[in-house]
Amino acid sequence: MDRQPGLSVRLKLTLSYAGFLMLAGALLLVAVGVFLLRQGWLQTNESGAVRVTPGTLFVRGFAPTAATVLVFLLVFGLLGGWILAGRMLAPLDRITYATRTAAAGSLSHRIRLPGRKDEFRELADAFDMMLAQLEAHVAEQQRFAANASHELRTPLAISKTLIDVARADPNQDTGKLVDRLHTVNTRAIDLTEALLLLSRANRRSFTREHVDLSLVAEEAAETLHPLAEKNGVALETSGDISPTSGSPALLLQLTTNLVHNAIVHNVAEQGTVWVHTGVRPKTVVLTVENTGEKLTPQRASTLTEPFQRGTERMHADQAGVGLGLAIVKTITEAHDGTLTLTPRPAGGLRITVELPAASGG
């Protein structure tokens, strides 16, 4: 934004310091002058009281001294105010430099203003925290964009290869080619829809409504029950009424993703998935737990990153796009909740989503 040039803050403070100092000095001199005027009405000598002219006494004796004092106060106020303002505003120079550096694209710079806590240091610390969050967010977005580009490039490259092979061999079975192209394109569409859902949740562009998390869990379990039967996984649901507020569609997507992951990332035979909802003093909790391969805490902590997959034990037709738990994390944060992943000692994973309880619920 273009603005007309004006006085600097340092000069404004300097003039303010000098002005207040001059005002205080002038008031003091006026008070002294009034006192001298009153005392000058009478002078006492050996012969008694003699009346004198107070104006003459004031002009000759006090006025020159008062003028000298005001000039000194003006010079002292300007010099002292300039120095003090410079020292007080010195932290702003570092904050301004950091702001311009960040605006130029470098988010790694930090102010790190030394000294004890005051308004400037609080501002500098808040700015450093904002820069750290921005740097982490930008790095995450860049990593996500790179991963998304890689994931989208794969099905497109496969489609191109299949088409090139078909053009080179006109006698190839077109039915098989169409089936493979359909599978590849379906994966690309699923990935695109997942990316759009992730973006929507990140923007928090949804209307909050009253939602019973237990009903959402039952609906997700009912929808995925055929998949559980197909994979030989027992699906068990339990819990209490769990009222919260948010987007019913996004919370259903969150629960569906959790249950779907719990089914496909399971043991080969006789696996189990437990879905439970509960109420705490100020929150409601959704827990999805499954059997499966053993995971380390370090491995579990990376599963919410985009395009990370838990284990290789899954059916090829249910491999997913690697965004299931990333979407869950984003939806949870968009609803001001917390997501916790805990490996089970016997194998598998326990995922807990804790959301604010609905007011009055």
Foldseek 3Di string as FASTA:
>chain_A
DDDDDDDDPLQVQLVVQLVVLLVVLVVVLVVVLVVQLVVQQWDADPVGIDGDDSVVCCVVPPVVVSVVVSVVSNVCSNVVSNVVSCVVCVLVVLVVVQVVVVVVPDLPDASPDDDDDDPSVVVRVVVNVVSVVVVVVVVLVVVVVVVLVVLLVVLVVVLVVLVVVCVVPVPDDVVVSVVVNVLSVVQNVLSVVLVVLLVCLLVLPDDKDKDFLLVLLVVLCVVCVVVLVVQQEAEEEEEDGFIDIGDSVLSSLLNNLLVLLQRFQADRHHKYWYWYWYDDPFKIKIKIWIAHAFDDPVLQVCLLRAQDHRDPRGDPSSPHRRNSSVSNCSNLVSQVWDWDWDTDPRHTIMIMIIGTGDVVD
